[in-house]
Amino acid sequence: MKLGIAGLGKMGANMARRLRLGGIDVVAFNRSAEVTDALVAEVGITASYTLEQLIKALPLPRVLWLMLPAGAVTEQVIEQALPLLSPGDVLIDGANSYYKDSVRRAQAVETSGVYYVDAGVSGGIWGLENGYALMLGGSKQAVDYIQPVIRALAPGSETGWLHCGPAGSGHFVKMVHNGIEYGMMQAYAEGFALMKAREDFDLDLAAVAEMWRHGSVVRSWLLDLMGEFLDEDQQLDNILPIVADSGEGRWTALEAIEQGVPAPVMSLALMMRYASQGGDEYGAKLLAKMRQGFGGHALGEEKPQ
């Protein structure tokens, strides 16, 4: 099977590598041509230097996988690609797109006879080695057709991927997946911070993480990663305490509100990311002034021992 990939960032490039290892022919286009050329030399993909050239290089029915930033960039490339595609072709959006955008895009794309598949992709930089968890939305015909690609990317031919349902469902499941990820990460961070604060016990946090990795109910891949970096550096003095949010946690919290489904852990984890970005600085200043006002407490007072 031959597949086109537009977008060779960290995820897209590693997906191209894994597909080539799985025997899939890849034609690729990236805005920076040197990235494409490097992959040509490394794994033998076919280079394209325009979107039109990429699409023309694919056999009918074409399969075009977009691994671009979610939002305006993905929207623009879909608009550019659609007139170049033919009925029966499959267009896959592998970005972390908002599922409501995917539902809308599917309706627009499929009026031209092109199949639309929204693909939630998880695996990060480790996907090349371990495979990618794939959450797919779209018609059964389209997902069935691209199964050779899916099986090559997934951790196993029958595991690590799921046709979740109609268009939008893949990105919806990925959105909730990332909301859960926010909550898990926040819980680990709070727990290890609590243990570090108990200085009289002089806990070896790397040893705790390693012990929990075996048999504990809180073991996970996130804990594996934490154990590795704590083994190298437990103080983390050179790490800025700023955590970005890429959108999925926000969408998950909004979905919980819209559906009236309680999701306090995921929502609070999102709020803590905002706090790490300085979103609580002004509020903290107001709290300090109020405390001074009613209690006469000094501003900048050291915390009690």
C-alpha atoms as a PDB file:
ATOM      1  CA  MET A   1       0.000   0.000   0.000  1.00  0.00           C
ATOM      2  CA  LYS A   2       1.158   3.561  -0.675  1.00  0.00           C
ATOM      3  CA  LEU A   3       0.326   6.397   1.694  1.00  0.00           C
ATOM      4  CA  GLY A   4       0.833  10.135   1.550  1.00  0.00           C
ATOM      5  CA  ILE A   5       1.834  12.065   4.675  1.00  0.00           C
ATOM      6  CA  ALA A   6       1.693  15.843   4.888  1.00  0.00           C
ATOM      7  CA  GLY A   7       3.593  17.082   7.929  1.00  0.00           C
ATOM      8  CA  LEU A   8       6.883  15.638   9.150  1.00  0.00           C
ATOM      9  CA  GLY A   9       7.172  17.002  12.662  1.00  0.00           C
ATOM     10  CA  LYS A  10       8.272  14.746  15.519  1.00  0.00           C
ATOM     11  CA  MET A  11       5.175  12.559  15.240  1.00  0.00           C
ATOM     12  CA  GLY A  12       4.806  12.620  11.456  1.00  0.00           C
ATOM     13  CA  ALA A  13       8.452  11.796  10.787  1.00  0.00           C
ATOM     14  CA  ASN A  14       8.475   8.879  13.218  1.00  0.00           C
ATOM     15  CA  MET A  15       5.230   7.583  11.771  1.00  0.00           C
ATOM     16  CA  ALA A  16       6.823   7.629   8.320  1.00  0.00           C
ATOM     17  CA  ARG A  17       9.770   5.668   9.721  1.00  0.00           C
ATOM     18  CA  ARG A  18       7.512   3.066  11.344  1.00  0.00           C
ATOM     19  CA  LEU A  19       5.415   2.702   8.200  1.00  0.00           C
ATOM     20  CA  ARG A  20       8.517   2.030   6.126  1.00  0.00           C
ATOM     21  CA  LEU A  21       9.609  -0.589   8.663  1.00  0.00           C
ATOM     22  CA  GLY A  22       6.158  -2.133   8.209  1.00  0.00           C
ATOM     23  CA  GLY A  23       6.515  -2.324   4.442  1.00  0.00           C
ATOM     24  CA  ILE A  24       4.258   0.622   3.579  1.00  0.00           C
ATOM     25  CA  ASP A  25       5.380   2.935   0.761  1.00  0.00           C
ATOM     26  CA  VAL A  26       5.333   6.555   1.908  1.00  0.00           C
ATOM     27  CA  VAL A  27       5.185   9.711  -0.161  1.00  0.00           C
ATOM     28  CA  ALA A  28       5.756  12.745   2.045  1.00  0.00           C
ATOM     29  CA  PHE A  29       5.533  16.511   1.943  1.00  0.00           C
ATOM     30  CA  ASN A  30       6.802  18.930   4.552  1.00  0.00           C
ATOM     31  CA  ARG A  31       7.050  22.707   4.473  1.00  0.00           C
ATOM     32  CA  SER A  32      10.775  22.407   5.260  1.00  0.00           C
ATOM     33  CA  ALA A  33      12.204  20.417   2.351  1.00  0.00           C
ATOM     34  CA  GLU A  34      15.379  19.469   4.207  1.00  0.00           C
ATOM     35  CA  VAL A  35      13.312  17.358   6.633  1.00  0.00           C
ATOM     36  CA  THR A  36      11.803  15.459   3.704  1.00  0.00           C
ATOM     37  CA  ASP A  37      15.175  14.984   2.046  1.00  0.00           C
ATOM     38  CA  ALA A  38      16.676  13.622   5.271  1.00  0.00           C
ATOM     39  CA  LEU A  39      13.960  10.960   5.494  1.00  0.00           C
ATOM     40  CA  VAL A  40      14.494  10.042   1.852  1.00  0.00           C
ATOM     41  CA  ALA A  41      18.112   9.241   2.673  1.00  0.00           C
ATOM     42  CA  GLU A  42      17.287   7.544   5.966  1.00  0.00           C
ATOM     43  CA  VAL A  43      14.335   5.250   5.227  1.00  0.00           C
ATOM     44  CA  GLY A  44      13.596   5.569   1.520  1.00  0.00           C
ATOM     45  CA  ILE A  45      10.395   7.567   1.438  1.00  0.00           C
ATOM     46  CA  THR A  46       9.437   9.375  -1.774  1.00  0.00           C
ATOM     47  CA  ALA A  47       9.794  13.134  -1.538  1.00  0.00           C
ATOM     48  CA  SER A  48       7.218  15.672  -2.660  1.00  0.00           C
ATOM     49  CA  TYR A  49       7.737  19.403  -2.501  1.00  0.00           C
ATOM     50  CA  THR A  50       4.176  20.596  -2.916  1.00  0.00           C
ATOM     51  CA  LEU A  51       0.841  19.244  -1.743  1.00  0.00           C
ATOM     52  CA  GLU A  52      -0.252  18.866  -5.358  1.00  0.00           C
ATOM     53  CA  GLN A  53       2.846  16.831  -6.185  1.00  0.00           C
ATOM     54  CA  LEU A  54       2.191  14.600  -3.185  1.00  0.00           C
ATOM     55  CA  ILE A  55      -1.393  13.867  -4.172  1.00  0.00           C
ATOM     56  CA  LYS A  56      -0.506  13.231  -7.823  1.00  0.00           C
ATOM     57  CA  ALA A  57       2.107  10.660  -6.725  1.00  0.00           C
ATOM     58  CA  LEU A  58      -0.502   8.470  -5.004  1.00  0.00           C
ATOM     59  CA  PRO A  59      -2.400   5.662  -6.734  1.00  0.00           C
ATOM     60  CA  LEU A  60      -6.199   5.655  -6.754  1.00  0.00           C
ATOM     61  CA  PRO A  61      -7.935   5.442  -4.373  1.00  0.00           C
ATOM     62  CA  ARG A  62      -5.520   7.720  -2.577  1.00  0.00           C
ATOM     63  CA  VAL A  63      -4.821   7.767   1.165  1.00  0.00           C
ATOM     64  CA  LEU A  64      -3.634  11.133   2.480  1.00  0.00           C
ATOM     65  CA  TRP A  65      -2.713  11.416   6.169  1.00  0.00           C
ATOM     66  CA  LEU A  66      -2.346  14.927   7.621  1.00  0.00           C
ATOM     67  CA  MET A  67      -0.027  15.254  10.635  1.00  0.00           C
ATOM     68  CA  LEU A  68      -0.274  18.999  11.031  1.00  0.00           C
ATOM     69  CA  PRO A  69      -0.989  21.387  13.910  1.00  0.00           C
ATOM     70  CA  ALA A  70      -4.657  21.333  14.855  1.00  0.00           C
ATOM     71  CA  GLY A  71      -6.804  24.309  13.974  1.00  0.00           C
ATOM     72  CA  ALA A  72      -6.222  26.794  11.173  1.00  0.00           C
ATOM     73  CA  VAL A  73      -3.272  24.971   9.571  1.00  0.00           C
ATOM     74  CA  THR A  74      -5.166  21.684   9.251  1.00  0.00           C
ATOM     75  CA  GLU A  75      -8.251  23.541   8.023  1.00  0.00           C
ATOM     76  CA  GLN A  76      -6.283  25.329   5.299  1.00  0.00           C
ATOM     77  CA  VAL A  77      -4.565  22.192   4.031  1.00  0.00           C
ATOM     78  CA  ILE A  78      -7.869  20.296   3.884  1.00  0.00           C
ATOM     79  CA  GLU A  79      -9.303  23.129   1.800  1.00  0.00           C
ATOM     80  CA  GLN A  80      -6.269  22.982  -0.510  1.00  0.00           C
ATOM     81  CA  ALA A  81      -6.291  19.194  -0.788  1.00  0.00           C
ATOM     82  CA  LEU A  82      -9.982  18.587  -1.396  1.00  0.00           C
ATOM     83  CA  PRO A  83     -10.114  19.892  -5.007  1.00  0.00           C
ATOM     84  CA  LEU A  84      -7.106  17.686  -5.807  1.00  0.00           C
ATOM     85  CA  LEU A  85      -8.672  14.503  -4.439  1.00  0.00           C
ATOM     86  CA  SER A  86     -11.142  12.177  -6.169  1.00  0.00           C
ATOM     87  CA  PRO A  87     -14.263  10.334  -5.020  1.00  0.00           C
ATOM     88  CA  GLY A  88     -13.226   7.233  -3.080  1.00  0.00           C
ATOM     89  CA  ASP A  89     -10.012   8.762  -1.748  1.00  0.00           C
ATOM     90  CA  VAL A  90      -9.433   8.765   2.028  1.00  0.00           C
ATOM     91  CA  LEU A  91      -8.399  11.890   3.913  1.00  0.00           C
ATOM     92  CA  ILE A  92      -7.118  11.281   7.464  1.00  0.00           C
ATOM     93  CA  ASP A  93      -6.727  14.044  10.048  1.00  0.00           C
ATOM     94  CA  GLY A  94      -4.150  12.849  12.581  1.00  0.00           C
ATOM     95  CA  ALA A  95      -3.878  16.125  14.484  1.00  0.00           C
ATOM     96  CA  ASN A  96      -5.288  16.668  17.960  1.00  0.00           C
ATOM     97  CA  SER A  97      -8.283  18.356  16.394  1.00  0.00           C
ATOM     98  CA  TYR A  98     -11.385  19.348  18.318  1.00  0.00           C
ATOM     99  CA  TYR A  99     -13.945  16.612  17.679  1.00  0.00           C
ATOM    100  CA  LYS A 100     -16.673  19.112  16.759  1.00  0.00           C
ATOM    101  CA  ASP A 101     -14.379  20.446  14.028  1.00  0.00           C
ATOM    102  CA  SER A 102     -13.936  16.875  12.814  1.00  0.00           C
ATOM    103  CA  VAL A 103     -17.690  16.312  12.610  1.00  0.00           C
ATOM    104  CA  ARG A 104     -18.043  19.519  10.590  1.00  0.00           C
ATOM    105  CA  ARG A 105     -15.096  18.711   8.331  1.00  0.00           C
ATOM    106  CA  ALA A 106     -16.368  15.202   7.650  1.00  0.00           C
ATOM    107  CA  GLN A 107     -19.657  16.586   6.387  1.00  0.00           C
ATOM    108  CA  ALA A 108     -17.879  19.019   4.070  1.00  0.00           C
ATOM    109  CA  VAL A 109     -15.321  16.490   2.805  1.00  0.00           C
ATOM    110  CA  GLU A 110     -17.742  13.649   2.209  1.00  0.00           C
ATOM    111  CA  THR A 111     -20.097  15.767   0.077  1.00  0.00           C
ATOM    112  CA  SER A 112     -17.370  15.519  -2.579  1.00  0.00           C
ATOM    113  CA  GLY A 113     -17.253  11.738  -2.285  1.00  0.00           C
ATOM    114  CA  VAL A 114     -13.980  11.670  -0.344  1.00  0.00           C
ATOM    115  CA  TYR A 115     -13.923   9.628   2.869  1.00  0.00           C
ATOM    116  CA  TYR A 116     -12.885  11.430   6.046  1.00  0.00           C
ATOM    117  CA  VAL A 117     -11.235   9.667   8.994  1.00  0.00           C
ATOM    118  CA  ASP A 118     -10.353  11.442  12.240  1.00  0.00           C
ATOM    119  CA  ALA A 119      -7.441   9.702  13.921  1.00  0.00           C
ATOM    120  CA  GLY A 120      -6.507  10.331  17.523  1.00  0.00           C
ATOM    121  CA  VAL A 121      -2.838   9.366  17.836  1.00  0.00           C
ATOM    122  CA  SER A 122      -1.074   8.669  21.127  1.00  0.00           C
ATOM    123  CA  GLY A 123       2.474   7.488  21.679  1.00  0.00           C
ATOM    124  CA  GLY A 124       4.596  10.603  21.504  1.00  0.00           C
ATOM    125  CA  ILE A 125       8.267  10.229  20.690  1.00  0.00           C
ATOM    126  CA  TRP A 126       8.135   6.556  21.741  1.00  0.00           C
ATOM    127  CA  GLY A 127       5.654   5.608  19.035  1.00  0.00           C
ATOM    128  CA  LEU A 128       8.364   4.638  16.569  1.00  0.00           C
ATOM    129  CA  GLU A 129       9.646   1.953  18.928  1.00  0.00           C
ATOM    130  CA  ASN A 130       6.456   0.920  20.731  1.00  0.00           C
ATOM    131  CA  GLY A 131       3.742   1.689  18.193  1.00  0.00           C
ATOM    132  CA  TYR A 132       0.950   4.240  18.320  1.00  0.00           C
ATOM    133  CA  ALA A 133      -2.401   3.956  20.028  1.00  0.00           C
ATOM    134  CA  LEU A 134      -4.902   4.902  17.336  1.00  0.00           C
ATOM    135  CA  MET A 135      -8.480   6.047  17.908  1.00  0.00           C
ATOM    136  CA  LEU A 136     -10.348   6.218  14.599  1.00  0.00           C
ATOM    137  CA  GLY A 137     -13.614   7.834  13.601  1.00  0.00           C
ATOM    138  CA  GLY A 138     -15.289   7.551  10.216  1.00  0.00           C
ATOM    139  CA  SER A 139     -17.090   5.097   7.988  1.00  0.00           C
ATOM    140  CA  LYS A 140     -16.396   1.376   8.207  1.00  0.00           C
ATOM    141  CA  GLN A 141     -15.478   1.326   4.496  1.00  0.00           C
ATOM    142  CA  ALA A 142     -12.741   3.909   4.971  1.00  0.00           C
ATOM    143  CA  VAL A 143     -11.297   2.354   8.131  1.00  0.00           C
ATOM    144  CA  ASP A 144     -11.323  -1.109   6.550  1.00  0.00           C
ATOM    145  CA  TYR A 145      -9.458   0.221   3.521  1.00  0.00           C
ATOM    146  CA  ILE A 146      -6.659   1.818   5.555  1.00  0.00           C
ATOM    147  CA  GLN A 147      -6.194  -1.160   7.885  1.00  0.00           C
ATOM    148  CA  PRO A 148      -2.763  -2.096   6.440  1.00  0.00           C
ATOM    149  CA  VAL A 149      -1.556   1.376   7.458  1.00  0.00           C
ATOM    150  CA  ILE A 150      -3.206   1.165  10.883  1.00  0.00           C
ATOM    151  CA  ARG A 151      -1.758  -2.279  11.621  1.00  0.00           C
ATOM    152  CA  ALA A 152       1.732  -1.079  10.684  1.00  0.00           C
ATOM    153  CA  LEU A 153       1.488   1.915  13.005  1.00  0.00           C
ATOM    154  CA  ALA A 154      -0.205   0.246  15.989  1.00  0.00           C
ATOM    155  CA  PRO A 155       1.614  -1.688  18.737  1.00  0.00           C
ATOM    156  CA  GLY A 156       0.147  -4.916  17.305  1.00  0.00           C
ATOM    157  CA  SER A 157      -1.876  -5.859  14.266  1.00  0.00           C
ATOM    158  CA  GLU A 158      -4.921  -6.515  16.463  1.00  0.00           C
ATOM    159  CA  THR A 159      -4.111  -4.392  19.497  1.00  0.00           C
ATOM    160  CA  GLY A 160      -3.681  -0.713  20.253  1.00  0.00           C
ATOM    161  CA  TRP A 161      -6.171   0.576  17.693  1.00  0.00           C
ATOM    162  CA  LEU A 162      -9.939   0.930  17.568  1.00  0.00           C
ATOM    163  CA  HIS A 163     -12.583   2.060  15.113  1.00  0.00           C
ATOM    164  CA  CYS A 164     -14.480   4.093  17.688  1.00  0.00           C
ATOM    165  CA  GLY A 165     -17.501   5.014  15.593  1.00  0.00           C
ATOM    166  CA  PRO A 166     -18.642   7.712  13.151  1.00  0.00           C
ATOM    167  CA  ALA A 167     -16.678  10.801  12.186  1.00  0.00           C
ATOM    168  CA  GLY A 168     -15.624  12.797  15.219  1.00  0.00           C
ATOM    169  CA  SER A 169     -15.572   9.834  17.585  1.00  0.00           C
ATOM    170  CA  GLY A 170     -11.846   9.204  17.168  1.00  0.00           C
ATOM    171  CA  HIS A 171     -10.895  12.714  18.175  1.00  0.00           C
ATOM    172  CA  PHE A 172     -13.533  12.673  20.925  1.00  0.00           C
ATOM    173  CA  VAL A 173     -11.986   9.561  22.514  1.00  0.00           C
ATOM    174  CA  LYS A 174      -8.499  11.076  22.131  1.00  0.00           C
ATOM    175  CA  MET A 175      -9.717  14.261  23.834  1.00  0.00           C
ATOM    176  CA  VAL A 176     -10.977  12.316  26.841  1.00  0.00           C
ATOM    177  CA  HIS A 177      -7.769  10.250  26.822  1.00  0.00           C
ATOM    178  CA  ASN A 178      -5.743  13.448  27.180  1.00  0.00           C
ATOM    179  CA  GLY A 179      -8.028  14.739  29.927  1.00  0.00           C
ATOM    180  CA  ILE A 180      -7.353  11.553  31.884  1.00  0.00           C
ATOM    181  CA  GLU A 181      -3.651  12.017  31.197  1.00  0.00           C
ATOM    182  CA  TYR A 182      -3.812  15.503  32.771  1.00  0.00           C
ATOM    183  CA  GLY A 183      -5.378  14.048  35.930  1.00  0.00           C
ATOM    184  CA  MET A 184      -2.891  11.193  36.231  1.00  0.00           C
ATOM    185  CA  MET A 185       0.088  13.481  35.765  1.00  0.00           C
ATOM    186  CA  GLN A 186      -1.219  15.928  38.349  1.00  0.00           C
ATOM    187  CA  ALA A 187      -1.776  13.147  40.908  1.00  0.00           C
ATOM    188  CA  TYR A 188       1.756  11.808  40.439  1.00  0.00           C
ATOM    189  CA  ALA A 189       3.224  15.310  40.684  1.00  0.00           C
ATOM    190  CA  GLU A 190       1.358  16.087  43.906  1.00  0.00           C
ATOM    191  CA  GLY A 191       2.232  12.766  45.506  1.00  0.00           C
ATOM    192  CA  PHE A 192       5.933  12.999  44.796  1.00  0.00           C
ATOM    193  CA  ALA A 193       6.014  16.656  45.882  1.00  0.00           C
ATOM    194  CA  LEU A 194       4.417  15.604  49.172  1.00  0.00           C
ATOM    195  CA  MET A 195       7.049  12.927  49.718  1.00  0.00           C
ATOM    196  CA  LYS A 196       9.883  15.311  48.835  1.00  0.00           C
ATOM    197  CA  ALA A 197       8.579  17.830  51.374  1.00  0.00           C
ATOM    198  CA  ARG A 198       9.021  15.291  54.201  1.00  0.00           C
ATOM    199  CA  GLU A 199      12.719  16.021  54.449  1.00  0.00           C
ATOM    200  CA  ASP A 200      13.257  14.203  57.774  1.00  0.00           C
ATOM    201  CA  PHE A 201      12.520  10.860  56.060  1.00  0.00           C
ATOM    202  CA  ASP A 202      15.127  11.549  53.352  1.00  0.00           C
ATOM    203  CA  LEU A 203      13.147   9.476  50.874  1.00  0.00           C
ATOM    204  CA  ASP A 204      14.796   8.195  47.709  1.00  0.00           C
ATOM    205  CA  LEU A 205      12.055   9.159  45.279  1.00  0.00           C
ATOM    206  CA  ALA A 206      13.613   7.219  42.415  1.00  0.00           C
ATOM    207  CA  ALA A 207      13.577   4.088  44.572  1.00  0.00           C
ATOM    208  CA  VAL A 208       9.932   4.710  45.503  1.00  0.00           C
ATOM    209  CA  ALA A 209       8.997   5.091  41.847  1.00  0.00           C
ATOM    210  CA  GLU A 210      10.890   1.935  40.916  1.00  0.00           C
ATOM    211  CA  MET A 211       9.216  -0.034  43.704  1.00  0.00           C
ATOM    212  CA  TRP A 212       5.741   1.185  42.670  1.00  0.00           C
ATOM    213  CA  ARG A 213       6.414   0.078  39.089  1.00  0.00           C
ATOM    214  CA  HIS A 214       6.175  -3.572  40.184  1.00  0.00           C
ATOM    215  CA  GLY A 215       2.856  -4.865  41.481  1.00  0.00           C
ATOM    216  CA  SER A 216       1.445  -1.518  42.632  1.00  0.00           C
ATOM    217  CA  VAL A 217      -2.029  -0.451  41.534  1.00  0.00           C
ATOM    218  CA  VAL A 218      -0.601   2.943  40.518  1.00  0.00           C
ATOM    219  CA  ARG A 219       1.961   1.526  38.090  1.00  0.00           C
ATOM    220  CA  SER A 220       1.819   3.023  34.592  1.00  0.00           C
ATOM    221  CA  TRP A 221       3.964   4.180  31.713  1.00  0.00           C
ATOM    222  CA  LEU A 222       3.928   7.689  33.209  1.00  0.00           C
ATOM    223  CA  LEU A 223       5.418   6.230  36.384  1.00  0.00           C
ATOM    224  CA  ASP A 224       8.049   4.439  34.288  1.00  0.00           C
ATOM    225  CA  LEU A 225       9.063   7.764  32.738  1.00  0.00           C
ATOM    226  CA  MET A 226       9.099   9.477  36.126  1.00  0.00           C
ATOM    227  CA  GLY A 227      11.290   6.782  37.617  1.00  0.00           C
ATOM    228  CA  GLU A 228      13.816   7.228  34.810  1.00  0.00           C
ATOM    229  CA  PHE A 229      14.259  10.967  35.188  1.00  0.00           C
ATOM    230  CA  LEU A 230      14.186  10.887  39.007  1.00  0.00           C
ATOM    231  CA  ASP A 231      17.003   8.367  38.883  1.00  0.00           C
ATOM    232  CA  GLU A 232      19.064  10.979  37.045  1.00  0.00           C
ATOM    233  CA  ASP A 233      17.991  14.071  38.997  1.00  0.00           C
ATOM    234  CA  GLN A 234      15.654  14.273  41.999  1.00  0.00           C
ATOM    235  CA  GLN A 235      16.071  18.003  42.652  1.00  0.00           C
ATOM    236  CA  LEU A 236      15.038  19.252  39.184  1.00  0.00           C
ATOM    237  CA  ASP A 237      16.600  22.628  39.973  1.00  0.00           C
ATOM    238  CA  ASN A 238      17.117  23.458  36.302  1.00  0.00           C
ATOM    239  CA  ILE A 239      13.501  22.753  35.309  1.00  0.00           C
ATOM    240  CA  LEU A 240      11.124  25.701  35.071  1.00  0.00           C
ATOM    241  CA  PRO A 241       7.821  24.996  36.898  1.00  0.00           C
ATOM    242  CA  ILE A 242       5.723  25.802  33.824  1.00  0.00           C
ATOM    243  CA  VAL A 243       3.440  23.225  32.187  1.00  0.00           C
ATOM    244  CA  ALA A 244       1.802  24.013  28.860  1.00  0.00           C
ATOM    245  CA  ASP A 245      -1.664  22.868  27.863  1.00  0.00           C
ATOM    246  CA  SER A 246      -2.293  22.035  24.229  1.00  0.00           C
ATOM    247  CA  GLY A 247      -6.081  22.264  24.187  1.00  0.00           C
ATOM    248  CA  GLU A 248      -7.425  18.767  24.773  1.00  0.00           C
ATOM    249  CA  GLY A 249      -7.725  19.182  28.549  1.00  0.00           C
ATOM    250  CA  ARG A 250      -9.646  22.415  28.043  1.00  0.00           C
ATOM    251  CA  TRP A 251     -12.011  20.744  25.581  1.00  0.00           C
ATOM    252  CA  THR A 252     -12.543  17.850  27.991  1.00  0.00           C
ATOM    253  CA  ALA A 253     -13.490  20.209  30.806  1.00  0.00           C
ATOM    254  CA  LEU A 254     -15.887  22.099  28.517  1.00  0.00           C
ATOM    255  CA  GLU A 255     -17.440  18.811  27.384  1.00  0.00           C
ATOM    256  CA  ALA A 256     -18.032  17.794  30.998  1.00  0.00           C
ATOM    257  CA  ILE A 257     -19.842  21.082  31.597  1.00  0.00           C
ATOM    258  CA  GLU A 258     -21.912  20.731  28.421  1.00  0.00           C
ATOM    259  CA  GLN A 259     -22.892  17.145  29.230  1.00  0.00           C
ATOM    260  CA  GLY A 260     -23.428  17.794  32.952  1.00  0.00           C
ATOM    261  CA  VAL A 261     -21.007  14.977  33.783  1.00  0.00           C
ATOM    262  CA  PRO A 262     -18.824  15.592  36.864  1.00  0.00           C
ATOM    263  CA  ALA A 263     -15.125  15.623  35.967  1.00  0.00           C
ATOM    264  CA  PRO A 264     -13.502  17.463  38.898  1.00  0.00           C
ATOM    265  CA  VAL A 265     -10.098  15.759  38.719  1.00  0.00           C
ATOM    266  CA  MET A 266      -9.517  16.469  35.036  1.00  0.00           C
ATOM    267  CA  SER A 267     -10.866  20.022  35.374  1.00  0.00           C
ATOM    268  CA  LEU A 268      -8.696  20.814  38.400  1.00  0.00           C
ATOM    269  CA  ALA A 269      -5.629  19.358  36.696  1.00  0.00           C
ATOM    270  CA  LEU A 270      -6.254  21.798  33.841  1.00  0.00           C
ATOM    271  CA  MET A 271      -6.548  24.676  36.314  1.00  0.00           C
ATOM    272  CA  MET A 272      -3.208  23.686  37.859  1.00  0.00           C
ATOM    273  CA  ARG A 273      -1.573  23.929  34.441  1.00  0.00           C
ATOM    274  CA  TYR A 274      -2.937  27.451  34.117  1.00  0.00           C
ATOM    275  CA  ALA A 275      -1.549  28.202  37.572  1.00  0.00           C
ATOM    276  CA  SER A 276       1.906  26.982  36.512  1.00  0.00           C
ATOM    277  CA  GLN A 277       1.793  29.397  33.578  1.00  0.00           C
ATOM    278  CA  GLY A 278       1.353  32.359  35.906  1.00  0.00           C
ATOM    279  CA  GLY A 279      -2.423  32.463  35.677  1.00  0.00           C
ATOM    280  CA  ASP A 280      -2.724  32.622  39.461  1.00  0.00           C
ATOM    281  CA  GLU A 281      -0.160  35.362  40.105  1.00  0.00           C
ATOM    282  CA  TYR A 282      -2.580  38.284  40.325  1.00  0.00           C
ATOM    283  CA  GLY A 283      -5.039  36.266  42.382  1.00  0.00           C
ATOM    284  CA  ALA A 284      -2.245  35.281  44.778  1.00  0.00           C
ATOM    285  CA  LYS A 285      -1.310  38.938  45.175  1.00  0.00           C
ATOM    286  CA  LEU A 286      -4.927  39.785  46.013  1.00  0.00           C
ATOM    287  CA  LEU A 287      -5.026  36.983  48.579  1.00  0.00           C
ATOM    288  CA  ALA A 288      -1.865  38.325  50.215  1.00  0.00           C
ATOM    289  CA  LYS A 289      -3.323  41.849  50.417  1.00  0.00           C
ATOM    290  CA  MET A 290      -6.628  40.594  51.865  1.00  0.00           C
ATOM    291  CA  ARG A 291      -4.724  38.605  54.494  1.00  0.00           C
ATOM    292  CA  GLN A 292      -2.754  41.721  55.353  1.00  0.00           C
ATOM    293  CA  GLY A 293      -5.949  43.742  55.545  1.00  0.00           C
ATOM    294  CA  PHE A 294      -7.824  41.612  58.056  1.00  0.00           C
ATOM    295  CA  GLY A 295      -4.922  40.154  60.024  1.00  0.00           C
ATOM    296  CA  GLY A 296      -2.079  42.579  59.679  1.00  0.00           C
ATOM    297  CA  HIS A 297       0.109  39.853  58.198  1.00  0.00           C
ATOM    298  CA  ALA A 298       3.257  41.053  56.502  1.00  0.00           C
ATOM    299  CA  LEU A 299       3.462  40.763  52.760  1.00  0.00           C
ATOM    300  CA  GLY A 300       6.028  38.212  51.621  1.00  0.00           C
ATOM    301  CA  GLU A 301       5.972  36.609  55.028  1.00  0.00           C
ATOM    302  CA  GLU A 302       7.897  33.357  55.184  1.00  0.00           C
ATOM    303  CA  LYS A 303       5.832  30.236  55.484  1.00  0.00           C
ATOM    304  CA  PRO A 304       5.622  28.804  59.022  1.00  0.00           C
ATOM    305  CA  GLN A 305       8.119  26.089  59.967  1.00  0.00           C
END
